Amino acid sequence: MLETKKYVLTVEGETEQWYFIWLRDQINGFEGRTYNVSIVPRVQQSPKSFYKGTNLKVTPEVIHICDVESTDDYHIEKFENILKEMKEADRQKKIKYQLGYSNFTFELWMILHKKDCFGPFNSRKQYLAPIQQAFGEKFEDLDHYKQESAFKRCLGKLSLNDVKDALRRADKIAEQNGKDGKKPVNLCGYSYYRDNPALSINEVVKKIFTECGVLPKRK
C-alpha cells in the first residue's frame, strides 16, 4: 500500500481550488505513482489569515497560489504584501511558504495545457480568446468560464499529459524571459517578474509530480 504525501495549498479562488482537486485525482489515478497525494486547497487570499489559525506541527509547509493581476500600483502592492505575509509566517511560526504565482492570471496556466501563450497582454480580459481556443468553448466572458459547470467541463478535457505540456511551455516562458534580459523582482526571499507572461505555478506542480513519481527525479 502506498504512503500518502500531503500538500496544503491556499488559493485565491474556486477555479484554482477545483483545478488542484482535479490534479490530485489525476495523480492518484496514475498507475506509475510512487505515493498517493492528499492535496488540500483552501480558498484564502491572505497568508496571514491562514497561518494565524495553524502551527508548525500541523502545517510545516504551505503552497500559496496567487496572481499578480496587473502592473497597476494597487495590484503590485497587494501582491508584494502577500510575499511579506509569507515571510512573516516563517519568522513568527517557522511555517515555510512556497510561492506559485501567475502573471497576469491563473488563466495563463490553464491555456498552457493546450497551446502556447507567450505574448504579453494589456488586460486580463484578453485571456478569454485563447481560453476559448484552447478548450474549444464559447464563453460570454471570463466570469462565464469561471462558473463551476463551465470550468469543470474544461478540466474534463485535460489529462496528465496536458499538464506535462503546460510544464514544458512554462519552462519556455522562463527561458524567453531570460533571453529578453528581463530581471525578476526579489522580495522577502521570493522572486517574480512584473512583466507578463510569467509564472511559477509550474514549479509547484513540478515539485508535486517529482515527489510522487509522475515525473522522474531531477539528477
C-alpha atoms as a PDB file:
ATOM      1  CA  MET A   1       0.000   0.000   0.000  1.00  0.00           C
ATOM      2  CA  LEU A   2       1.382   3.386  -0.998  1.00  0.00           C
ATOM      3  CA  GLU A   3       2.122   6.070   1.548  1.00  0.00           C
ATOM      4  CA  THR A   4       0.431   9.448   1.176  1.00  0.00           C
ATOM      5  CA  LYS A   5       2.159  12.800   0.760  1.00  0.00           C
ATOM      6  CA  LYS A   6       0.152  15.792   1.918  1.00  0.00           C
ATOM      7  CA  TYR A   7       0.265  19.239   0.313  1.00  0.00           C
ATOM      8  CA  VAL A   8      -1.522  22.184   1.888  1.00  0.00           C
ATOM      9  CA  LEU A   9      -2.381  24.978  -0.544  1.00  0.00           C
ATOM     10  CA  THR A  10      -4.016  28.343  -0.100  1.00  0.00           C
ATOM     11  CA  VAL A  11      -5.553  29.638  -3.309  1.00  0.00           C
ATOM     12  CA  GLU A  12      -7.231  32.849  -4.427  1.00  0.00           C
ATOM     13  CA  GLY A  13     -10.459  31.454  -5.803  1.00  0.00           C
ATOM     14  CA  GLU A  14     -12.635  28.489  -6.633  1.00  0.00           C
ATOM     15  CA  THR A  15     -11.163  27.804 -10.079  1.00  0.00           C
ATOM     16  CA  GLU A  16      -7.736  27.226  -8.531  1.00  0.00           C
ATOM     17  CA  GLN A  17      -9.335  25.047  -5.858  1.00  0.00           C
ATOM     18  CA  TRP A  18     -11.200  22.934  -8.423  1.00  0.00           C
ATOM     19  CA  TYR A  19      -8.052  22.590 -10.514  1.00  0.00           C
ATOM     20  CA  PHE A  20      -5.893  21.233  -7.699  1.00  0.00           C
ATOM     21  CA  ILE A  21      -8.609  18.831  -6.557  1.00  0.00           C
ATOM     22  CA  TRP A  22      -8.760  17.600 -10.164  1.00  0.00           C
ATOM     23  CA  LEU A  23      -4.949  17.322 -10.227  1.00  0.00           C
ATOM     24  CA  ARG A  24      -4.984  15.271  -7.019  1.00  0.00           C
ATOM     25  CA  ASP A  25      -7.443  12.814  -8.549  1.00  0.00           C
ATOM     26  CA  GLN A  26      -5.385  12.543 -11.743  1.00  0.00           C
ATOM     27  CA  ILE A  27      -2.206  11.779  -9.803  1.00  0.00           C
ATOM     28  CA  ASN A  28      -3.931   9.196  -7.605  1.00  0.00           C
ATOM     29  CA  GLY A  29      -5.254   7.522 -10.747  1.00  0.00           C
ATOM     30  CA  PHE A  30      -1.779   7.270 -12.305  1.00  0.00           C
ATOM     31  CA  GLU A  31      -0.501   3.693 -12.079  1.00  0.00           C
ATOM     32  CA  GLY A  32       3.171   4.676 -12.032  1.00  0.00           C
ATOM     33  CA  ARG A  33       2.941   6.932  -8.970  1.00  0.00           C
ATOM     34  CA  THR A  34       5.221   6.181  -6.027  1.00  0.00           C
ATOM     35  CA  TYR A  35       2.990   7.944  -3.499  1.00  0.00           C
ATOM     36  CA  ASN A  36      -0.652   8.812  -3.175  1.00  0.00           C
ATOM     37  CA  VAL A  37      -1.250  12.520  -2.702  1.00  0.00           C
ATOM     38  CA  SER A  38      -3.525  14.485  -0.437  1.00  0.00           C
ATOM     39  CA  ILE A  39      -3.836  17.981  -1.879  1.00  0.00           C
ATOM     40  CA  VAL A  40      -5.807  20.309   0.362  1.00  0.00           C
ATOM     41  CA  PRO A  41      -6.540  23.584  -1.495  1.00  0.00           C
ATOM     42  CA  ARG A  42      -8.242  26.162   0.702  1.00  0.00           C
ATOM     43  CA  VAL A  43      -9.623  29.427  -0.646  1.00  0.00           C
ATOM     44  CA  GLN A  44      -7.753  32.035   1.380  1.00  0.00           C
ATOM     45  CA  GLN A  45      -6.158  35.069  -0.238  1.00  0.00           C
ATOM     46  CA  SER A  46      -4.279  36.182   2.870  1.00  0.00           C
ATOM     47  CA  PRO A  47      -1.378  34.018   4.094  1.00  0.00           C
ATOM     48  CA  LYS A  48      -1.549  35.892   7.395  1.00  0.00           C
ATOM     49  CA  SER A  49      -5.170  34.938   7.981  1.00  0.00           C
ATOM     50  CA  PHE A  50      -4.290  31.311   7.291  1.00  0.00           C
ATOM     51  CA  TYR A  51      -1.108  30.924   9.317  1.00  0.00           C
ATOM     52  CA  LYS A  52      -2.653  32.601  12.360  1.00  0.00           C
ATOM     53  CA  GLY A  53      -5.001  29.622  12.602  1.00  0.00           C
ATOM     54  CA  THR A  54      -2.405  26.881  12.280  1.00  0.00           C
ATOM     55  CA  ASN A  55       1.009  25.897  13.653  1.00  0.00           C
ATOM     56  CA  LEU A  56       4.303  24.312  12.655  1.00  0.00           C
ATOM     57  CA  LYS A  57       3.372  20.856  13.924  1.00  0.00           C
ATOM     58  CA  VAL A  58       0.101  20.700  11.989  1.00  0.00           C
ATOM     59  CA  THR A  59       1.224  22.584   8.862  1.00  0.00           C
ATOM     60  CA  PRO A  60       5.011  22.933   8.451  1.00  0.00           C
ATOM     61  CA  GLU A  61       4.760  23.915   4.776  1.00  0.00           C
ATOM     62  CA  VAL A  62       2.178  25.780   2.715  1.00  0.00           C
ATOM     63  CA  ILE A  63       1.973  26.499  -1.010  1.00  0.00           C
ATOM     64  CA  HIS A  64       0.294  29.800  -1.866  1.00  0.00           C
ATOM     65  CA  ILE A  65      -1.247  30.188  -5.326  1.00  0.00           C
ATOM     66  CA  CYS A  66      -1.948  33.758  -6.425  1.00  0.00           C
ATOM     67  CA  ASP A  67      -1.957  36.219  -9.329  1.00  0.00           C
ATOM     68  CA  VAL A  68      -0.044  39.425  -9.969  1.00  0.00           C
ATOM     69  CA  GLU A  69      -3.196  40.693 -11.783  1.00  0.00           C
ATOM     70  CA  SER A  70      -1.694  43.810 -13.426  1.00  0.00           C
ATOM     71  CA  THR A  71       1.142  46.333 -13.349  1.00  0.00           C
ATOM     72  CA  ASP A  72      -1.049  48.884 -11.548  1.00  0.00           C
ATOM     73  CA  ASP A  73       0.431  50.134  -8.285  1.00  0.00           C
ATOM     74  CA  TYR A  74      -2.552  48.753  -6.380  1.00  0.00           C
ATOM     75  CA  HIS A  75      -2.082  45.200  -7.657  1.00  0.00           C
ATOM     76  CA  ILE A  76       1.701  45.258  -7.270  1.00  0.00           C
ATOM     77  CA  GLU A  77       1.361  46.467  -3.677  1.00  0.00           C
ATOM     78  CA  LYS A  78      -1.272  43.806  -2.978  1.00  0.00           C
ATOM     79  CA  PHE A  79       0.947  41.069  -4.410  1.00  0.00           C
ATOM     80  CA  GLU A  80       4.071  42.229  -2.582  1.00  0.00           C
ATOM     81  CA  ASN A  81       2.137  42.409   0.688  1.00  0.00           C
ATOM     82  CA  ILE A  82       1.323  38.734   0.171  1.00  0.00           C
ATOM     83  CA  LEU A  83       5.044  37.979  -0.114  1.00  0.00           C
ATOM     84  CA  LYS A  84       5.665  39.899   3.099  1.00  0.00           C
ATOM     85  CA  GLU A  85       2.968  37.911   4.878  1.00  0.00           C
ATOM     86  CA  MET A  86       4.535  34.663   3.663  1.00  0.00           C
ATOM     87  CA  LYS A  87       7.900  35.740   5.050  1.00  0.00           C
ATOM     88  CA  GLU A  88       6.252  36.716   8.328  1.00  0.00           C
ATOM     89  CA  ALA A  89       4.794  33.203   8.646  1.00  0.00           C
ATOM     90  CA  ASP A  90       8.342  31.851   8.655  1.00  0.00           C
ATOM     91  CA  ARG A  91       9.556  34.462  11.145  1.00  0.00           C
ATOM     92  CA  GLN A  92       6.665  34.078  13.572  1.00  0.00           C
ATOM     93  CA  LYS A  93       5.760  30.397  13.305  1.00  0.00           C
ATOM     94  CA  LYS A  94       8.561  28.766  11.256  1.00  0.00           C
ATOM     95  CA  ILE A  95       5.992  27.820   8.615  1.00  0.00           C
ATOM     96  CA  LYS A  96       7.643  27.639   5.188  1.00  0.00           C
ATOM     97  CA  TYR A  97       5.742  29.059   2.228  1.00  0.00           C
ATOM     98  CA  GLN A  98       6.318  28.227  -1.432  1.00  0.00           C
ATOM     99  CA  LEU A  99       5.042  30.720  -3.997  1.00  0.00           C
ATOM    100  CA  GLY A 100       3.115  29.650  -7.063  1.00  0.00           C
ATOM    101  CA  TYR A 101       2.188  32.817  -8.929  1.00  0.00           C
ATOM    102  CA  SER A 102       0.846  33.672 -12.358  1.00  0.00           C
ATOM    103  CA  ASN A 103       1.209  36.972 -14.196  1.00  0.00           C
ATOM    104  CA  PHE A 104      -1.428  38.139 -15.029  1.00  0.00           C
ATOM    105  CA  THR A 105      -3.831  35.375 -14.033  1.00  0.00           C
ATOM    106  CA  PHE A 106      -4.398  31.660 -13.427  1.00  0.00           C
ATOM    107  CA  GLU A 107      -5.892  31.550 -16.921  1.00  0.00           C
ATOM    108  CA  LEU A 108      -2.337  31.674 -18.293  1.00  0.00           C
ATOM    109  CA  TRP A 109      -1.561  28.350 -16.617  1.00  0.00           C
ATOM    110  CA  MET A 110      -4.794  26.816 -17.918  1.00  0.00           C
ATOM    111  CA  ILE A 111      -4.095  27.922 -21.500  1.00  0.00           C
ATOM    112  CA  LEU A 112      -0.607  26.399 -21.416  1.00  0.00           C
ATOM    113  CA  HIS A 113      -2.132  22.934 -21.040  1.00  0.00           C
ATOM    114  CA  LYS A 114      -3.323  23.152 -24.647  1.00  0.00           C
ATOM    115  CA  LYS A 115      -1.404  25.864 -26.508  1.00  0.00           C
ATOM    116  CA  ASP A 116       1.382  28.409 -26.424  1.00  0.00           C
ATOM    117  CA  CYS A 117       0.663  31.758 -24.791  1.00  0.00           C
ATOM    118  CA  PHE A 118       3.964  33.573 -24.975  1.00  0.00           C
ATOM    119  CA  GLY A 119       2.934  37.132 -25.858  1.00  0.00           C
ATOM    120  CA  PRO A 120       2.239  39.920 -23.345  1.00  0.00           C
ATOM    121  CA  PHE A 121      -1.294  41.152 -22.665  1.00  0.00           C
ATOM    122  CA  ASN A 122      -2.511  44.568 -21.552  1.00  0.00           C
ATOM    123  CA  SER A 123      -5.674  43.346 -19.843  1.00  0.00           C
ATOM    124  CA  ARG A 124      -6.848  40.215 -18.078  1.00  0.00           C
ATOM    125  CA  LYS A 125      -9.859  40.183 -20.414  1.00  0.00           C
ATOM    126  CA  GLN A 126      -7.513  39.254 -23.274  1.00  0.00           C
ATOM    127  CA  TYR A 127      -7.196  35.739 -21.860  1.00  0.00           C
ATOM    128  CA  LEU A 128     -10.769  34.967 -22.942  1.00  0.00           C
ATOM    129  CA  ALA A 129      -9.946  34.326 -26.613  1.00  0.00           C
ATOM    130  CA  PRO A 130      -7.044  31.898 -26.006  1.00  0.00           C
ATOM    131  CA  ILE A 131      -9.083  30.121 -23.301  1.00  0.00           C
ATOM    132  CA  GLN A 132     -11.854  29.552 -25.848  1.00  0.00           C
ATOM    133  CA  GLN A 133      -9.350  28.386 -28.472  1.00  0.00           C
ATOM    134  CA  ALA A 134      -7.596  26.068 -26.031  1.00  0.00           C
ATOM    135  CA  PHE A 135     -10.754  24.313 -24.874  1.00  0.00           C
ATOM    136  CA  GLY A 136     -12.991  24.651 -27.924  1.00  0.00           C
ATOM    137  CA  GLU A 137     -15.581  26.611 -25.975  1.00  0.00           C
ATOM    138  CA  LYS A 138     -17.560  29.815 -26.448  1.00  0.00           C
ATOM    139  CA  PHE A 139     -17.834  31.763 -23.214  1.00  0.00           C
ATOM    140  CA  GLU A 140     -19.552  35.128 -22.924  1.00  0.00           C
ATOM    141  CA  ASP A 141     -16.755  36.387 -20.695  1.00  0.00           C
ATOM    142  CA  LEU A 142     -14.261  35.149 -18.102  1.00  0.00           C
ATOM    143  CA  ASP A 143     -16.949  35.117 -15.414  1.00  0.00           C
ATOM    144  CA  HIS A 144     -18.879  32.614 -17.521  1.00  0.00           C
ATOM    145  CA  TYR A 145     -15.746  30.476 -17.916  1.00  0.00           C
ATOM    146  CA  LYS A 146     -15.227  30.536 -14.126  1.00  0.00           C
ATOM    147  CA  GLN A 147     -18.679  29.132 -13.378  1.00  0.00           C
ATOM    148  CA  GLU A 148     -18.340  25.682 -11.854  1.00  0.00           C
ATOM    149  CA  SER A 149     -20.022  23.725 -14.652  1.00  0.00           C
ATOM    150  CA  ALA A 150     -18.061  25.537 -17.370  1.00  0.00           C
ATOM    151  CA  PHE A 151     -14.696  25.275 -15.648  1.00  0.00           C
ATOM    152  CA  LYS A 152     -15.126  21.616 -14.786  1.00  0.00           C
ATOM    153  CA  ARG A 153     -16.092  20.958 -18.399  1.00  0.00           C
ATOM    154  CA  CYS A 154     -12.677  22.366 -19.348  1.00  0.00           C
ATOM    155  CA  LEU A 155     -10.986  20.178 -16.739  1.00  0.00           C
ATOM    156  CA  GLY A 156     -12.719  17.190 -18.294  1.00  0.00           C
ATOM    157  CA  LYS A 157     -10.774  17.855 -21.488  1.00  0.00           C
ATOM    158  CA  LEU A 158      -7.399  17.619 -19.725  1.00  0.00           C
ATOM    159  CA  SER A 159      -5.065  14.760 -18.850  1.00  0.00           C
ATOM    160  CA  LEU A 160      -1.733  14.378 -17.053  1.00  0.00           C
ATOM    161  CA  ASN A 161      -0.040  14.616 -20.449  1.00  0.00           C
ATOM    162  CA  ASP A 162      -1.610  18.050 -20.905  1.00  0.00           C
ATOM    163  CA  VAL A 163      -0.186  19.094 -17.533  1.00  0.00           C
ATOM    164  CA  LYS A 164       3.248  17.939 -18.682  1.00  0.00           C
ATOM    165  CA  ASP A 165       2.793  20.029 -21.834  1.00  0.00           C
ATOM    166  CA  ALA A 166       1.943  23.019 -19.631  1.00  0.00           C
ATOM    167  CA  LEU A 167       5.160  22.462 -17.673  1.00  0.00           C
ATOM    168  CA  ARG A 168       7.150  22.413 -20.897  1.00  0.00           C
ATOM    169  CA  ARG A 169       5.526  25.603 -22.193  1.00  0.00           C
ATOM    170  CA  ALA A 170       6.018  27.360 -18.845  1.00  0.00           C
ATOM    171  CA  ASP A 171       9.716  26.476 -18.994  1.00  0.00           C
ATOM    172  CA  LYS A 172       9.832  28.113 -22.427  1.00  0.00           C
ATOM    173  CA  ILE A 173       8.347  31.309 -20.997  1.00  0.00           C
ATOM    174  CA  ALA A 174      11.013  31.376 -18.287  1.00  0.00           C
ATOM    175  CA  GLU A 175      13.716  30.748 -20.878  1.00  0.00           C
ATOM    176  CA  GLN A 176      12.415  33.540 -23.110  1.00  0.00           C
ATOM    177  CA  ASN A 177      12.228  35.993 -20.203  1.00  0.00           C
ATOM    178  CA  GLY A 178      15.887  35.267 -19.533  1.00  0.00           C
ATOM    179  CA  LYS A 179      16.842  35.714 -23.183  1.00  0.00           C
ATOM    180  CA  ASP A 180      14.963  39.022 -23.269  1.00  0.00           C
ATOM    181  CA  GLY A 181      17.064  40.272 -20.380  1.00  0.00           C
ATOM    182  CA  LYS A 182      14.130  40.640 -18.010  1.00  0.00           C
ATOM    183  CA  LYS A 183      15.151  40.859 -14.373  1.00  0.00           C
ATOM    184  CA  PRO A 184      12.989  39.361 -11.628  1.00  0.00           C
ATOM    185  CA  VAL A 185      11.995  41.379  -8.585  1.00  0.00           C
ATOM    186  CA  ASN A 186      13.394  39.812  -5.411  1.00  0.00           C
ATOM    187  CA  LEU A 187      11.465  40.441  -2.203  1.00  0.00           C
ATOM    188  CA  CYS A 188      11.398  38.614   1.136  1.00  0.00           C
ATOM    189  CA  GLY A 189      13.194  35.602  -0.331  1.00  0.00           C
ATOM    190  CA  TYR A 190      10.776  35.282  -3.259  1.00  0.00           C
ATOM    191  CA  SER A 191      11.154  36.403  -6.853  1.00  0.00           C
ATOM    192  CA  TYR A 192       8.706  37.306  -9.589  1.00  0.00           C
ATOM    193  CA  TYR A 193       8.518  39.108 -12.920  1.00  0.00           C
ATOM    194  CA  ARG A 194       6.422  42.239 -13.182  1.00  0.00           C
ATOM    195  CA  ASP A 195       6.063  41.783 -16.940  1.00  0.00           C
ATOM    196  CA  ASN A 196       3.680  39.140 -18.263  1.00  0.00           C
ATOM    197  CA  PRO A 197       3.678  36.374 -19.191  1.00  0.00           C
ATOM    198  CA  ALA A 198       5.476  34.846 -16.230  1.00  0.00           C
ATOM    199  CA  LEU A 199       4.608  32.218 -13.655  1.00  0.00           C
ATOM    200  CA  SER A 200       5.893  29.818 -11.013  1.00  0.00           C
ATOM    201  CA  ILE A 201       2.791  27.648 -10.596  1.00  0.00           C
ATOM    202  CA  ASN A 202       4.654  25.229 -12.845  1.00  0.00           C
ATOM    203  CA  GLU A 203       7.374  24.850 -10.204  1.00  0.00           C
ATOM    204  CA  VAL A 204       4.744  23.861  -7.643  1.00  0.00           C
ATOM    205  CA  VAL A 205       3.248  21.244  -9.957  1.00  0.00           C
ATOM    206  CA  LYS A 206       6.689  20.016 -10.994  1.00  0.00           C
ATOM    207  CA  LYS A 207       7.638  19.531  -7.328  1.00  0.00           C
ATOM    208  CA  ILE A 208       4.494  17.502  -6.646  1.00  0.00           C
ATOM    209  CA  PHE A 209       4.930  15.419  -9.803  1.00  0.00           C
ATOM    210  CA  THR A 210       8.576  14.682  -8.997  1.00  0.00           C
ATOM    211  CA  GLU A 211       7.936  13.749  -5.384  1.00  0.00           C
ATOM    212  CA  CYS A 212       5.102  11.344  -6.213  1.00  0.00           C
ATOM    213  CA  GLY A 213       6.641   9.694  -9.282  1.00  0.00           C
ATOM    214  CA  VAL A 214       4.692  11.260 -12.145  1.00  0.00           C
ATOM    215  CA  LEU A 215       7.967  12.804 -13.320  1.00  0.00           C
ATOM    216  CA  PRO A 216      11.447  11.314 -12.803  1.00  0.00           C
ATOM    217  CA  LYS A 217      13.508  12.911 -10.066  1.00  0.00           C
ATOM    218  CA  ARG A 218      15.969  15.508 -11.267  1.00  0.00           C
ATOM    219  CA  LYS A 219      19.577  14.365 -11.069  1.00  0.00           C
END
